[in-house]
Protein backbone atom coordinates (compact mmCIF):
# COMPACT_ATOMS: atom_id res chain seq x y z
CA MET A 1 -7.70 31.04 -0.08
CA ALA A 2 -6.72 27.70 1.62
CA PRO A 3 -7.16 24.54 -0.40
CA ILE A 4 -10.32 22.40 0.32
CA PRO A 5 -9.39 19.58 2.50
CA ARG A 6 -9.61 16.28 0.58
CA ILE A 7 -10.99 13.21 2.27
CA LEU A 8 -10.92 9.50 1.67
CA ILE A 9 -14.00 7.54 3.07
CA VAL A 10 -13.51 4.05 4.02
CA GLU A 11 -16.60 2.20 5.00
CA ASP A 12 -18.43 -0.87 4.03
CA ASP A 13 -21.99 0.36 4.67
CA GLU A 14 -23.37 2.79 2.07
CA ILE A 15 -25.93 4.24 4.30
CA ILE A 16 -23.25 5.56 6.35
CA SER A 17 -20.81 6.17 3.52
CA SER A 18 -23.46 8.67 2.00
CA LEU A 19 -24.31 10.28 5.08
CA ILE A 20 -20.57 11.04 5.83
CA THR A 21 -20.02 12.37 2.57
CA THR A 22 -23.21 14.58 2.70
CA LEU A 23 -22.08 15.94 6.37
CA LEU A 24 -18.75 16.48 5.05
CA GLU A 25 -19.74 18.14 1.68
CA LYS A 26 -21.95 20.47 3.50
CA LYS A 27 -18.95 21.64 5.74
CA GLY A 28 -16.93 22.55 2.65
CA TYR A 29 -14.76 19.21 2.53
CA ALA A 30 -13.96 17.51 -0.72
CA VAL A 31 -14.70 13.59 -0.75
CA VAL A 32 -12.23 12.35 -3.06
CA GLY A 33 -13.12 8.68 -2.99
CA ARG A 34 -15.24 5.92 -1.21
CA ILE A 35 -13.83 2.50 -0.61
CA THR A 36 -15.57 -0.50 0.82
CA LYS A 37 -12.49 -2.79 1.11
CA GLY A 38 -9.47 -2.25 3.30
CA GLU A 39 -7.07 -3.87 0.73
CA GLU A 40 -8.33 -1.57 -1.59
CA SER A 41 -7.84 1.56 0.41
CA ILE A 42 -3.97 1.50 0.48
CA ILE A 43 -3.46 1.68 -3.29
CA LYS A 44 -6.27 4.31 -3.32
CA ALA A 45 -4.58 6.46 -0.87
CA ALA A 46 -1.31 6.21 -2.63
CA GLU A 47 -3.38 7.33 -5.70
CA LEU A 48 -5.20 10.13 -4.36
CA GLU A 49 -2.88 11.24 -1.50
CA PRO A 50 -5.82 12.49 0.92
CA ASP A 51 -5.64 15.02 3.49
CA LEU A 52 -7.20 12.62 5.63
CA VAL A 53 -8.84 8.84 5.73
CA LEU A 54 -11.78 7.98 7.81
CA MET A 55 -11.47 4.28 8.39
CA ASP A 56 -14.12 1.88 9.53
CA ILE A 57 -12.61 -0.53 11.67
CA HIS A 58 -14.45 -3.50 10.58
CA LEU A 59 -14.65 -3.89 6.88
CA GLU A 60 -15.45 -6.24 4.59
CA GLY A 61 -12.50 -8.31 2.38
CA GLN A 62 -9.58 -9.78 3.25
CA MET A 63 -7.97 -6.93 5.44
CA ASP A 64 -9.73 -5.12 8.55
CA GLY A 65 -9.45 -0.95 8.74
CA VAL A 66 -7.18 -1.50 11.45
CA ALA A 67 -4.67 -3.11 9.38
CA ALA A 68 -4.92 -0.86 6.31
CA ALA A 69 -5.02 2.06 8.28
CA SER A 70 -1.41 1.00 9.64
CA TYR A 71 0.10 0.61 6.23
CA ILE A 72 -1.70 3.86 4.95
CA PHE A 73 -0.21 5.78 7.36
CA GLN A 74 3.52 4.11 7.91
CA LEU A 75 3.77 3.83 4.18
CA PHE A 76 2.06 7.15 3.00
CA HIS A 77 1.68 9.38 6.02
CA CYS A 78 -2.18 9.99 5.51
CA PRO A 79 -3.64 10.74 8.81
CA ILE A 80 -6.19 8.59 10.24
CA VAL A 81 -9.59 8.82 12.12
CA PHE A 82 -11.22 5.44 12.88
CA LEU A 83 -14.94 4.78 12.58
CA THR A 84 -16.45 2.30 14.89
CA ALA A 85 -19.50 0.64 16.70
CA LEU A 86 -17.46 -1.63 18.74
CA CYS A 87 -13.82 -1.36 19.69
CA ASP A 88 -12.47 -3.68 22.34
CA ASP A 89 -9.01 -3.33 24.20
CA GLY A 90 -7.30 -5.76 21.45
CA LEU A 91 -8.49 -3.42 18.65
CA LEU A 92 -7.38 -0.67 20.19
CA GLU A 93 -3.59 -1.76 20.92
CA ARG A 94 -3.55 -2.63 17.17
CA ALA A 95 -4.58 0.71 16.07
CA LYS A 96 -1.79 2.53 17.73
CA ASN A 97 0.26 1.54 14.81
CA ALA A 98 -1.87 3.93 12.74
CA GLN A 99 -1.39 6.68 15.19
CA PRO A 100 -4.95 7.62 14.73
CA LEU A 101 -6.05 11.32 15.33
CA GLY A 102 -9.50 10.75 16.46
CA TYR A 103 -12.15 7.96 16.98
CA ILE A 104 -15.63 8.41 15.90
CA LEU A 105 -18.21 5.85 17.60
CA LYS A 106 -21.55 5.26 15.75
CA PRO A 107 -23.91 6.38 15.96
CA PHE A 108 -22.57 9.62 16.04
CA THR A 109 -23.79 13.24 15.28
CA ASP A 110 -22.84 15.89 12.92
CA LYS A 111 -20.90 17.34 15.50
CA ASP A 112 -19.20 14.39 16.11
CA LEU A 113 -18.13 13.96 12.72
CA SER A 114 -17.04 17.71 12.07
CA SER A 115 -14.91 18.34 15.12
CA ASN A 116 -13.05 15.18 14.66
CA VAL A 117 -12.31 16.20 11.21
CA GLU A 118 -11.13 19.75 11.83
CA LEU A 119 -9.21 18.60 14.80
CA ALA A 120 -7.37 15.71 12.93
CA LEU A 121 -6.51 18.17 10.14
CA TYR A 122 -4.80 20.44 12.57
CA ASN A 123 -2.96 17.91 14.52
CA HIS A 124 -1.47 16.66 11.60
CA ASN A 125 -0.34 19.68 9.93
CA VAL A 126 1.47 20.29 13.30
CA ARG A 127 2.59 16.78 13.15
CA LYS A 128 3.69 16.03 9.61
CA LYS A 129 6.95 18.07 10.39
CA TYR A 130 8.39 15.87 12.60
CA LEU A 131 7.58 12.67 10.05
CA ASP A 132 10.35 10.85 9.11
CA MET A 133 10.69 10.37 5.21
CA TYR A 134 8.52 7.64 3.25
CA PRO A 135 9.99 4.48 3.91
CA VAL A 136 9.11 3.48 -0.12
CA GLY A 137 9.19 6.55 -1.58
CA GLU A 138 6.61 9.05 -2.47
CA PRO A 139 3.29 8.02 -3.43
CA LYS A 140 3.16 9.77 -6.40
CA LYS A 141 6.58 8.39 -7.81
CA LEU A 142 5.52 5.05 -6.69
CA MET A 143 2.27 5.57 -8.98
CA THR A 144 3.79 7.07 -12.08
CA ALA A 145 6.92 4.45 -12.36
CA LEU A 146 7.63 2.65 -15.39
CA ASP A 147 8.96 -0.19 -13.59
CA PRO A 148 6.31 -2.77 -11.88
CA ILE A 149 6.50 -2.16 -7.85
CA ALA A 150 4.66 -4.00 -5.40
CA ILE A 151 4.68 -3.99 -1.52
CA LEU A 152 3.82 -7.48 0.25
CA ASP A 153 2.99 -8.20 3.97
CA THR A 154 4.99 -10.36 6.21
CA ARG A 155 3.00 -13.03 4.95
CA GLY A 156 4.26 -12.40 1.54
CA ARG A 157 0.88 -11.01 -0.19
CA VAL A 158 0.66 -8.27 -2.11
CA ILE A 159 -0.94 -5.35 -0.38
CA PHE A 160 0.15 -2.49 -2.93
CA TYR A 161 1.00 -2.40 -6.87
CA ASN A 162 1.54 0.59 -9.02
CA PRO A 163 -0.35 1.12 -11.96
CA TYR A 164 2.22 -0.32 -14.49
CA THR A 165 2.14 -3.83 -12.54
CA PRO A 166 -0.86 -5.20 -13.87
CA ARG A 167 0.00 -4.12 -17.49
CA PHE A 168 3.50 -5.85 -16.97
CA LEU A 169 1.73 -8.94 -15.37
CA ASP A 170 -0.76 -9.10 -17.78
CA LEU A 171 -3.24 -9.57 -14.95
CA SER A 172 -6.73 -8.08 -13.44
CA ASP A 173 -6.51 -6.05 -9.94
CA LYS A 174 -8.43 -8.97 -8.34
CA GLU A 175 -5.72 -11.27 -9.51
CA ILE A 176 -3.01 -9.75 -7.89
CA ILE A 177 -4.02 -8.21 -4.56
CA MET A 178 -3.97 -9.95 -1.69
CA HIS A 179 -2.20 -13.06 -3.51
CA TYR A 180 0.95 -14.43 -2.60
CA TRP A 181 3.73 -12.80 -5.04
CA ARG A 182 4.62 -16.04 -6.68
CA ASP A 183 1.27 -16.78 -7.42
CA THR A 184 1.11 -13.44 -9.86
CA MET A 185 4.52 -14.53 -11.29
CA MET A 186 7.37 -16.47 -11.24
CA LEU A 187 11.46 -15.94 -10.88
CA VAL A 188 13.83 -18.16 -12.60
CA ASN A 189 17.27 -18.64 -13.89
CA ASP A 190 17.40 -17.81 -17.33
CA MET A 191 20.00 -20.35 -18.29
CA THR A 192 18.80 -23.20 -16.55
CA GLY A 193 15.08 -22.55 -16.34
CA GLU A 194 14.88 -23.72 -12.74
CA PRO A 195 12.79 -21.36 -10.11
CA ILE A 196 14.76 -18.79 -8.14
CA GLN A 197 14.16 -19.62 -4.39
CA ASP A 198 11.80 -17.43 -2.67
CA PRO A 199 13.88 -14.41 -1.10
CA VAL A 200 10.80 -13.25 1.14
CA PRO A 201 11.62 -15.62 4.10
CA GLU A 202 15.27 -14.66 3.70
CA VAL A 203 14.26 -10.84 3.62
CA ILE A 204 11.59 -11.28 6.65
CA GLN A 205 14.02 -13.59 8.96
CA GLN A 206 17.34 -11.73 8.34
CA MET A 207 16.07 -8.42 7.53
CA LEU A 208 18.32 -7.92 4.37
CA VAL A 209 18.13 -6.78 1.03
CA VAL A 210 17.89 -9.73 -1.74
CA SER A 211 18.67 -8.75 -5.01
CA HIS A 212 18.46 -10.84 -8.52
CA ASP A 213 20.42 -8.88 -11.53
CA PHE A 214 22.22 -11.71 -13.50
CA ASN A 215 20.79 -14.79 -15.12
CA THR A 216 17.36 -13.51 -13.99
CA ALA A 217 13.84 -13.75 -16.21
CA LEU A 218 10.21 -13.39 -14.93
CA VAL A 219 7.69 -15.62 -16.19
CA THR A 220 4.24 -14.41 -16.39
CA LYS A 221 1.06 -16.38 -15.64
CA SER A 222 0.39 -16.66 -19.30
CA GLY A 223 3.73 -17.84 -20.23
CA LYS A 224 5.87 -14.76 -21.42
CA THR A 225 9.03 -14.66 -20.17
CA LYS A 226 11.01 -11.16 -19.64
CA LYS A 227 14.82 -10.89 -18.87
CA VAL A 228 14.32 -8.63 -15.63
CA SER A 229 16.75 -7.96 -12.52
CA VAL A 230 14.33 -7.69 -8.95
CA VAL A 231 15.13 -5.95 -5.32
CA PHE A 232 13.36 -7.35 -2.48
CA ARG A 233 13.91 -5.04 0.65
CA PRO A 234 12.68 -5.02 4.20
CA VAL A 235 9.97 -2.13 5.23
CA LYS A 236 10.21 -0.90 8.18
CA ASP A 237 7.43 1.62 10.43
CA ASP A 238 8.58 4.37 12.41
CA LYS A 239 9.68 2.02 15.33
CA HIS A 240 12.17 0.22 12.77
CA ALA A 241 10.03 -3.09 13.34
CA LEU A 242 8.90 -4.83 9.86
CA ILE A 243 5.85 -4.19 8.24
CA GLY A 244 6.34 -5.52 5.01
CA ILE A 245 8.56 -6.17 1.85
CA PHE A 246 9.20 -3.61 -1.12
CA MET A 247 9.56 -5.58 -4.53
CA ARG A 248 10.87 -3.66 -7.57
CA ILE A 249 11.04 -4.94 -11.12
CA LYS A 250 13.13 -3.73 -13.77
CA GLU A 251 13.02 -5.07 -17.39
CA LYS A 252 16.05 -5.20 -19.04
CA THR A 253 16.76 -3.30 -22.33
CA LEU A 254 18.26 -4.95 -25.33
CA GLY A 255 21.33 -3.40 -24.62
CA GLN A 256 21.92 -4.82 -21.23
CA ILE A 257 21.09 -8.19 -22.44
CA ARG A 258 23.40 -8.06 -25.43
CA MET A 259 26.11 -6.49 -22.76
CA ALA A 260 25.54 -9.65 -20.46
CA ALA A 261 25.89 -11.99 -23.26
CA ARG A 262 29.34 -10.29 -24.40
CA LYS A 263 30.46 -10.46 -20.46
CA ALA A 264 29.49 -14.38 -20.31
CA GLY A 265 30.98 -15.12 -23.95
CA SER A 266 34.30 -13.56 -23.17
């Protein structure tokens, strides 16, 4: 028996979201999540790995549906069907980066919804054979990693982080998402205590990987200091255009710290 398709709904109108849920469940689909903000949908898509995302173009919050959908498709290869009442040429042009498999215009009928969903699921099943590897790794591995992992947009704001990150930084979700990364932590030289130069501009301008391995410490907002190594690398879409920055932090073990101290003293 074929698995039941799992669908994530991103819609800030509660009435419409509830209606879509009811219609989809009557057709035998499983609604695995309902999100109202674009910035929250990226993490939820990585967590749930839905078979399809129904995304409203106009959303409340700091990120609209077009931007969120583009990240969800390019990073995690989740197929997108857009929901919209208004869609001008500018939005359509931006929406191309999400490679949507359908547009549902509001108000819509039961048939509009079911036919778009069915076609999108079928077309993505064909298309996914030709998609490249995940540009930041498999979603499941990102979400279960025991290292802090974040993805920044091209302005340096955090648009994704794995569950380990808030625990490591001792911050709440709202203190991380859509904040500039240096507002959530600080990297310093652990010998001098001086801040390390922000690597984001260099990664963006030169498309280079920037790593800090030696004499590097992370200072949390609460003042805790942890010896770490950090890597920042560019994230590109399927057309090799820069869409963000991947950031991975590794806390050093006591053995690594002692070994570094011996090398420094020799």
